[in-house]
Amino acid sequence: MKYELETIPVWDALQSGDECLLCNLMKSSEQDALSYYLGSSVMHPQTRVAVNKTGFCPTHWKALIEKGSPQSLA
């Protein structure tokens, strides 16, 4: 695999020394998604409407709360 922009997360996960490459990638992606939601996306009306319709599963709701931005979840 060549070292290119889209492969950087895979190379980083390989070099992390974690037990599982896929677990590392999934954890990183989940953290990025939580940060994105709690950032400016929460102010977009389309995002609010979509979240109000579907909500979050208990696991991800807890992760959002633990991320520490209660104003974004009000």
PDB file of N, CA and C in Angstrom:
ATOM      1  N   MET A   1       0.854  -1.171   0.000  1.00  0.00           N
ATOM      2  CA  MET A   1       0.000   0.000   0.000  1.00  0.00           C
ATOM      3  C   MET A   1       0.904   1.239   0.000  1.00  0.00           C
ATOM      4  N   LYS A   2       0.576   2.166  -0.884  1.00  0.00           N
ATOM      5  CA  LYS A   2       1.341   3.401  -0.975  1.00  0.00           C
ATOM      6  C   LYS A   2       0.922   4.364   0.134  1.00  0.00           C
ATOM      7  N   TYR A   3       1.865   5.193   0.534  1.00  0.00           N
ATOM      8  CA  TYR A   3       1.602   6.201   1.554  1.00  0.00           C
ATOM      9  C   TYR A   3       1.013   7.423   0.863  1.00  0.00           C
ATOM     10  N   GLU A   4      -0.311   7.550   0.921  1.00  0.00           N
ATOM     11  CA  GLU A   4      -1.020   8.660   0.301  1.00  0.00           C
ATOM     12  C   GLU A   4      -1.964   9.267   1.330  1.00  0.00           C
ATOM     13  N   LEU A   5      -2.560  10.393   0.968  1.00  0.00           N
ATOM     14  CA  LEU A   5      -3.425  11.119   1.890  1.00  0.00           C
ATOM     15  C   LEU A   5      -4.527  10.231   2.459  1.00  0.00           C
ATOM     16  N   GLU A   6      -5.183   9.453   1.614  1.00  0.00           N
ATOM     17  CA  GLU A   6      -6.302   8.636   2.093  1.00  0.00           C
ATOM     18  C   GLU A   6      -5.857   7.395   2.865  1.00  0.00           C
ATOM     19  N   THR A   7      -4.568   7.046   2.814  1.00  0.00           N
ATOM     20  CA  THR A   7      -4.097   5.874   3.556  1.00  0.00           C
ATOM     21  C   THR A   7      -3.416   6.243   4.875  1.00  0.00           C
ATOM     22  N   ILE A   8      -3.279   7.530   5.159  1.00  0.00           N
ATOM     23  CA  ILE A   8      -2.596   7.962   6.384  1.00  0.00           C
ATOM     24  C   ILE A   8      -3.241   7.378   7.645  1.00  0.00           C
ATOM     25  N   PRO A   9      -4.581   7.385   7.787  1.00  0.00           N
ATOM     26  CA  PRO A   9      -5.158   6.786   9.002  1.00  0.00           C
ATOM     27  C   PRO A   9      -4.812   5.301   9.158  1.00  0.00           C
ATOM     28  N   VAL A  10      -4.735   4.583   8.052  1.00  0.00           N
ATOM     29  CA  VAL A  10      -4.384   3.154   8.122  1.00  0.00           C
ATOM     30  C   VAL A  10      -2.938   2.998   8.576  1.00  0.00           C
ATOM     31  N   TRP A  11      -2.034   3.768   7.997  1.00  0.00           N
ATOM     32  CA  TRP A  11      -0.633   3.708   8.414  1.00  0.00           C
ATOM     33  C   TRP A  11      -0.482   4.103   9.883  1.00  0.00           C
ATOM     34  N   ASP A  12      -1.182   5.133  10.304  1.00  0.00           N
ATOM     35  CA  ASP A  12      -1.123   5.556  11.710  1.00  0.00           C
ATOM     36  C   ASP A  12      -1.612   4.450  12.634  1.00  0.00           C
ATOM     37  N   ALA A  13      -2.693   3.781  12.240  1.00  0.00           N
ATOM     38  CA  ALA A  13      -3.228   2.689  13.056  1.00  0.00           C
ATOM     39  C   ALA A  13      -2.248   1.523  13.113  1.00  0.00           C
ATOM     40  N   LEU A  14      -1.590   1.239  11.998  1.00  0.00           N
ATOM     41  CA  LEU A  14      -0.596   0.161  11.981  1.00  0.00           C
ATOM     42  C   LEU A  14       0.580   0.477  12.903  1.00  0.00           C
ATOM     43  N   GLN A  15       0.980   1.728  12.939  1.00  0.00           N
ATOM     44  CA  GLN A  15       2.130   2.127  13.747  1.00  0.00           C
ATOM     45  C   GLN A  15       1.781   2.365  15.211  1.00  0.00           C
ATOM     46  N   SER A  16       0.503   2.364  15.546  1.00  0.00           N
ATOM     47  CA  SER A  16       0.096   2.648  16.925  1.00  0.00           C
ATOM     48  C   SER A  16       0.473   1.531  17.887  1.00  0.00           C
ATOM     49  N   GLY A  17       0.627   0.322  17.362  1.00  0.00           N
ATOM     50  CA  GLY A  17       0.970  -0.802  18.218  1.00  0.00           C
ATOM     51  C   GLY A  17      -0.218  -1.410  18.932  1.00  0.00           C
ATOM     52  N   ASP A  18      -1.428  -0.940  18.621  1.00  0.00           N
ATOM     53  CA  ASP A  18      -2.621  -1.524  19.232  1.00  0.00           C
ATOM     54  C   ASP A  18      -2.796  -2.961  18.765  1.00  0.00           C
ATOM     55  N   GLU A  19      -3.596  -3.693  19.509  1.00  0.00           N
ATOM     56  CA  GLU A  19      -3.805  -5.102  19.211  1.00  0.00           C
ATOM     57  C   GLU A  19      -4.530  -5.312  17.883  1.00  0.00           C
ATOM     58  N   CYS A  20      -5.489  -4.441  17.568  1.00  0.00           N
ATOM     59  CA  CYS A  20      -6.316  -4.645  16.379  1.00  0.00           C
ATOM     60  C   CYS A  20      -6.368  -3.373  15.533  1.00  0.00           C
ATOM     61  N   LEU A  21      -5.972  -3.494  14.305  1.00  0.00           N
ATOM     62  CA  LEU A  21      -5.983  -2.373  13.368  1.00  0.00           C
ATOM     63  C   LEU A  21      -7.393  -1.832  13.178  1.00  0.00           C
ATOM     64  N   LEU A  22      -8.368  -2.709  12.983  1.00  0.00           N
ATOM     65  CA  LEU A  22      -9.738  -2.267  12.730  1.00  0.00           C
ATOM     66  C   LEU A  22     -10.360  -1.599  13.949  1.00  0.00           C
ATOM     67  N   CYS A  23     -10.097  -2.112  15.131  1.00  0.00           N
ATOM     68  CA  CYS A  23     -10.614  -1.470  16.350  1.00  0.00           C
ATOM     69  C   CYS A  23     -10.046  -0.063  16.481  1.00  0.00           C
ATOM     70  N   ASN A  24      -8.775   0.086  16.183  1.00  0.00           N
ATOM     71  CA  ASN A  24      -8.143   1.401  16.246  1.00  0.00           C
ATOM     72  C   ASN A  24      -8.797   2.359  15.264  1.00  0.00           C
ATOM     73  N   LEU A  25      -9.028   1.917  14.025  1.00  0.00           N
ATOM     74  CA  LEU A  25      -9.652   2.763  13.011  1.00  0.00           C
ATOM     75  C   LEU A  25     -11.087   3.120  13.388  1.00  0.00           C
ATOM     76  N   MET A  26     -11.824   2.151  13.925  1.00  0.00           N
ATOM     77  CA  MET A  26     -13.215   2.407  14.309  1.00  0.00           C
ATOM     78  C   MET A  26     -13.284   3.393  15.470  1.00  0.00           C
ATOM     79  N   LYS A  27     -12.421   3.232  16.458  1.00  0.00           N
ATOM     80  CA  LYS A  27     -12.409   4.142  17.607  1.00  0.00           C
ATOM     81  C   LYS A  27     -12.076   5.562  17.158  1.00  0.00           C
ATOM     82  N   SER A  28     -11.101   5.681  16.290  1.00  0.00           N
ATOM     83  CA  SER A  28     -10.709   6.991  15.779  1.00  0.00           C
ATOM     84  C   SER A  28     -11.844   7.639  14.991  1.00  0.00           C
ATOM     85  N   SER A  29     -12.507   6.861  14.155  1.00  0.00           N
ATOM     86  CA  SER A  29     -13.628   7.384  13.364  1.00  0.00           C
ATOM     87  C   SER A  29     -14.779   7.812  14.261  1.00  0.00           C
ATOM     88  N   GLU A  30     -15.053   7.017  15.294  1.00  0.00           N
ATOM     89  CA  GLU A  30     -16.136   7.355  16.218  1.00  0.00           C
ATOM     90  C   GLU A  30     -15.830   8.655  16.957  1.00  0.00           C
ATOM     91  N   GLN A  31     -14.597   8.819  17.407  1.00  0.00           N
ATOM     92  CA  GLN A  31     -14.214  10.051  18.102  1.00  0.00           C
ATOM     93  C   GLN A  31     -14.316  11.265  17.178  1.00  0.00           C
ATOM     94  N   ASP A  32     -13.921  11.076  15.923  1.00  0.00           N
ATOM     95  CA  ASP A  32     -14.039  12.169  14.947  1.00  0.00           C
ATOM     96  C   ASP A  32     -15.501  12.548  14.730  1.00  0.00           C
ATOM     97  N   ALA A  33     -16.371  11.544  14.633  1.00  0.00           N
ATOM     98  CA  ALA A  33     -17.799  11.810  14.416  1.00  0.00           C
ATOM     99  C   ALA A  33     -18.419  12.511  15.621  1.00  0.00           C
ATOM    100  N   LEU A  34     -18.058  12.093  16.829  1.00  0.00           N
ATOM    101  CA  LEU A  34     -18.570  12.744  18.034  1.00  0.00           C
ATOM    102  C   LEU A  34     -18.121  14.204  18.091  1.00  0.00           C
ATOM    103  N   SER A  35     -16.862  14.439  17.795  1.00  0.00           N
ATOM    104  CA  SER A  35     -16.344  15.811  17.800  1.00  0.00           C
ATOM    105  C   SER A  35     -17.029  16.656  16.737  1.00  0.00           C
ATOM    106  N   TYR A  36     -17.263  16.076  15.575  1.00  0.00           N
ATOM    107  CA  TYR A  36     -17.934  16.805  14.500  1.00  0.00           C
ATOM    108  C   TYR A  36     -19.352  17.176  14.925  1.00  0.00           C
ATOM    109  N   TYR A  37     -20.083  16.224  15.499  1.00  0.00           N
ATOM    110  CA  TYR A  37     -21.458  16.506  15.903  1.00  0.00           C
ATOM    111  C   TYR A  37     -21.499  17.583  16.978  1.00  0.00           C
ATOM    112  N   LEU A  38     -20.625  17.496  17.949  1.00  0.00           N
ATOM    113  CA  LEU A  38     -20.630  18.457  19.050  1.00  0.00           C
ATOM    114  C   LEU A  38     -20.037  19.805  18.650  1.00  0.00           C
ATOM    115  N   GLY A  39     -19.449  19.878  17.482  1.00  0.00           N
ATOM    116  CA  GLY A  39     -18.896  21.134  16.984  1.00  0.00           C
ATOM    117  C   GLY A  39     -19.965  21.959  16.305  1.00  0.00           C
ATOM    118  N   SER A  40     -19.612  22.550  15.205  1.00  0.00           N
ATOM    119  CA  SER A  40     -20.521  23.478  14.526  1.00  0.00           C
ATOM    120  C   SER A  40     -21.705  22.790  13.851  1.00  0.00           C
ATOM    121  N   SER A  41     -21.621  21.490  13.579  1.00  0.00           N
ATOM    122  CA  SER A  41     -22.728  20.826  12.874  1.00  0.00           C
ATOM    123  C   SER A  41     -24.024  20.847  13.675  1.00  0.00           C
ATOM    124  N   VAL A  42     -23.914  20.933  14.993  1.00  0.00           N
ATOM    125  CA  VAL A  42     -25.106  20.928  15.835  1.00  0.00           C
ATOM    126  C   VAL A  42     -25.942  22.189  15.623  1.00  0.00           C
ATOM    127  N   MET A  43     -25.337  23.221  15.059  1.00  0.00           N
ATOM    128  CA  MET A  43     -26.054  24.466  14.805  1.00  0.00           C
ATOM    129  C   MET A  43     -26.784  24.474  13.463  1.00  0.00           C
ATOM    130  N   HIS A  44     -26.516  23.489  12.623  1.00  0.00           N
ATOM    131  CA  HIS A  44     -27.183  23.428  11.322  1.00  0.00           C
ATOM    132  C   HIS A  44     -28.590  22.867  11.491  1.00  0.00           C
ATOM    133  N   PRO A  45     -29.594  23.556  10.990  1.00  0.00           N
ATOM    134  CA  PRO A  45     -30.976  23.091  11.136  1.00  0.00           C
ATOM    135  C   PRO A  45     -31.202  21.685  10.577  1.00  0.00           C
ATOM    136  N   GLN A  46     -30.544  21.356   9.464  1.00  0.00           N
ATOM    137  CA  GLN A  46     -30.726  20.028   8.873  1.00  0.00           C
ATOM    138  C   GLN A  46     -30.243  18.930   9.823  1.00  0.00           C
ATOM    139  N   THR A  47     -29.154  19.205  10.504  1.00  0.00           N
ATOM    140  CA  THR A  47     -28.627  18.233  11.461  1.00  0.00           C
ATOM    141  C   THR A  47     -29.590  18.067  12.627  1.00  0.00           C
ATOM    142  N   ARG A  48     -30.096  19.176  13.151  1.00  0.00           N
ATOM    143  CA  ARG A  48     -31.034  19.125  14.274  1.00  0.00           C
ATOM    144  C   ARG A  48     -32.290  18.339  13.913  1.00  0.00           C
ATOM    145  N   VAL A  49     -32.835  18.588  12.718  1.00  0.00           N
ATOM    146  CA  VAL A  49     -34.049  17.890  12.280  1.00  0.00           C
ATOM    147  C   VAL A  49     -33.780  16.391  12.180  1.00  0.00           C
ATOM    148  N   ALA A  50     -32.663  16.017  11.571  1.00  0.00           N
ATOM    149  CA  ALA A  50     -32.333  14.597  11.414  1.00  0.00           C
ATOM    150  C   ALA A  50     -32.149  13.916  12.766  1.00  0.00           C
ATOM    151  N   VAL A  51     -31.448  14.576  13.682  1.00  0.00           N
ATOM    152  CA  VAL A  51     -31.216  13.988  15.004  1.00  0.00           C
ATOM    153  C   VAL A  51     -32.512  13.921  15.800  1.00  0.00           C
ATOM    154  N   ASN A  52     -33.359  14.921  15.679  1.00  0.00           N
ATOM    155  CA  ASN A  52     -34.643  14.892  16.385  1.00  0.00           C
ATOM    156  C   ASN A  52     -35.517  13.744  15.902  1.00  0.00           C
ATOM    157  N   LYS A  53     -35.394  13.364  14.637  1.00  0.00           N
ATOM    158  CA  LYS A  53     -36.179  12.246  14.099  1.00  0.00           C
ATOM    159  C   LYS A  53     -35.674  10.899  14.595  1.00  0.00           C
ATOM    160  N   THR A  54     -34.350  10.719  14.587  1.00  0.00           N
ATOM    161  CA  THR A  54     -33.794   9.397  14.872  1.00  0.00           C
ATOM    162  C   THR A  54     -33.164   9.266  16.245  1.00  0.00           C
ATOM    163  N   GLY A  55     -32.595  10.347  16.759  1.00  0.00           N
ATOM    164  CA  GLY A  55     -31.927  10.284  18.054  1.00  0.00           C
ATOM    165  C   GLY A  55     -30.624   9.505  17.984  1.00  0.00           C
ATOM    166  N   PHE A  56     -30.157   9.047  19.131  1.00  0.00           N
ATOM    167  CA  PHE A  56     -28.918   8.282  19.233  1.00  0.00           C
ATOM    168  C   PHE A  56     -29.185   7.019  20.040  1.00  0.00           C
ATOM    169  N   CYS A  57     -28.406   5.979  19.761  1.00  0.00           N
ATOM    170  CA  CYS A  57     -28.501   4.761  20.563  1.00  0.00           C
ATOM    171  C   CYS A  57     -27.915   5.065  21.945  1.00  0.00           C
ATOM    172  N   PRO A  58     -28.236   4.246  22.954  1.00  0.00           N
ATOM    173  CA  PRO A  58     -27.729   4.508  24.308  1.00  0.00           C
ATOM    174  C   PRO A  58     -26.199   4.594  24.389  1.00  0.00           C
ATOM    175  N   THR A  59     -25.507   3.778  23.631  1.00  0.00           N
ATOM    176  CA  THR A  59     -24.044   3.786  23.662  1.00  0.00           C
ATOM    177  C   THR A  59     -23.488   5.123  23.196  1.00  0.00           C
ATOM    178  N   HIS A  60     -24.010   5.612  22.079  1.00  0.00           N
ATOM    179  CA  HIS A  60     -23.482   6.865  21.547  1.00  0.00           C
ATOM    180  C   HIS A  60     -24.023   8.080  22.303  1.00  0.00           C
ATOM    181  N   TRP A  61     -25.208   7.975  22.877  1.00  0.00           N
ATOM    182  CA  TRP A  61     -25.717   9.063  23.721  1.00  0.00           C
ATOM    183  C   TRP A  61     -24.791   9.243  24.926  1.00  0.00           C
ATOM    184  N   LYS A  62     -24.400   8.130  25.542  1.00  0.00           N
ATOM    185  CA  LYS A  62     -23.484   8.185  26.681  1.00  0.00           C
ATOM    186  C   LYS A  62     -22.133   8.767  26.252  1.00  0.00           C
ATOM    187  N   ALA A  63     -21.651   8.373  25.079  1.00  0.00           N
ATOM    188  CA  ALA A  63     -20.374   8.895  24.578  1.00  0.00           C
ATOM    189  C   ALA A  63     -20.449  10.403  24.350  1.00  0.00           C
ATOM    190  N   LEU A  64     -21.584  10.876  23.838  1.00  0.00           N
ATOM    191  CA  LEU A  64     -21.761  12.317  23.631  1.00  0.00           C
ATOM    192  C   LEU A  64     -21.749  13.063  24.962  1.00  0.00           C
ATOM    193  N   ILE A  65     -22.425  12.512  25.955  1.00  0.00           N
ATOM    194  CA  ILE A  65     -22.460  13.144  27.278  1.00  0.00           C
ATOM    195  C   ILE A  65     -21.062  13.178  27.885  1.00  0.00           C
ATOM    196  N   GLU A  66     -20.334  12.074  27.763  1.00  0.00           N
ATOM    197  CA  GLU A  66     -18.990  11.996  28.333  1.00  0.00           C
ATOM    198  C   GLU A  66     -18.004  12.913  27.617  1.00  0.00           C
ATOM    199  N   LYS A  67     -18.304  13.267  26.393  1.00  0.00           N
ATOM    200  CA  LYS A  67     -17.426  14.157  25.626  1.00  0.00           C
ATOM    201  C   LYS A  67     -17.410  15.556  26.243  1.00  0.00           C
ATOM    202  N   GLY A  68     -18.465  15.888  27.007  1.00  0.00           N
ATOM    203  CA  GLY A  68     -18.440  17.101  27.814  1.00  0.00           C
ATOM    204  C   GLY A  68     -18.862  18.382  27.136  1.00  0.00           C
ATOM    205  N   SER A  69     -19.947  18.363  26.396  1.00  0.00           N
ATOM    206  CA  SER A  69     -20.465  19.592  25.800  1.00  0.00           C
ATOM    207  C   SER A  69     -21.984  19.588  25.936  1.00  0.00           C
ATOM    208  N   PRO A  70     -22.498  19.783  27.154  1.00  0.00           N
ATOM    209  CA  PRO A  70     -23.937  19.657  27.384  1.00  0.00           C
ATOM    210  C   PRO A  70     -24.785  20.654  26.604  1.00  0.00           C
ATOM    211  N   GLN A  71     -24.228  21.820  26.260  1.00  0.00           N
ATOM    212  CA  GLN A  71     -25.001  22.803  25.495  1.00  0.00           C
ATOM    213  C   GLN A  71     -25.367  22.254  24.119  1.00  0.00           C
ATOM    214  N   SER A  72     -24.509  21.439  23.553  1.00  0.00           N
ATOM    215  CA  SER A  72     -24.770  20.866  22.236  1.00  0.00           C
ATOM    216  C   SER A  72     -25.871  19.824  22.272  1.00  0.00           C
ATOM    217  N   LEU A  73     -26.165  19.292  23.442  1.00  0.00           N
ATOM    218  CA  LEU A  73     -27.145  18.214  23.556  1.00  0.00           C
ATOM    219  C   LEU A  73     -28.491  18.699  24.060  1.00  0.00           C
ATOM    220  N   ALA A  74     -28.612  19.973  24.353  1.00  0.00           N
ATOM    221  CA  ALA A  74     -29.863  20.509  24.899  1.00  0.00           C
ATOM    222  C   ALA A  74     -30.957  20.537  23.861  1.00  0.00           C
TER     223      ALA A  74
END
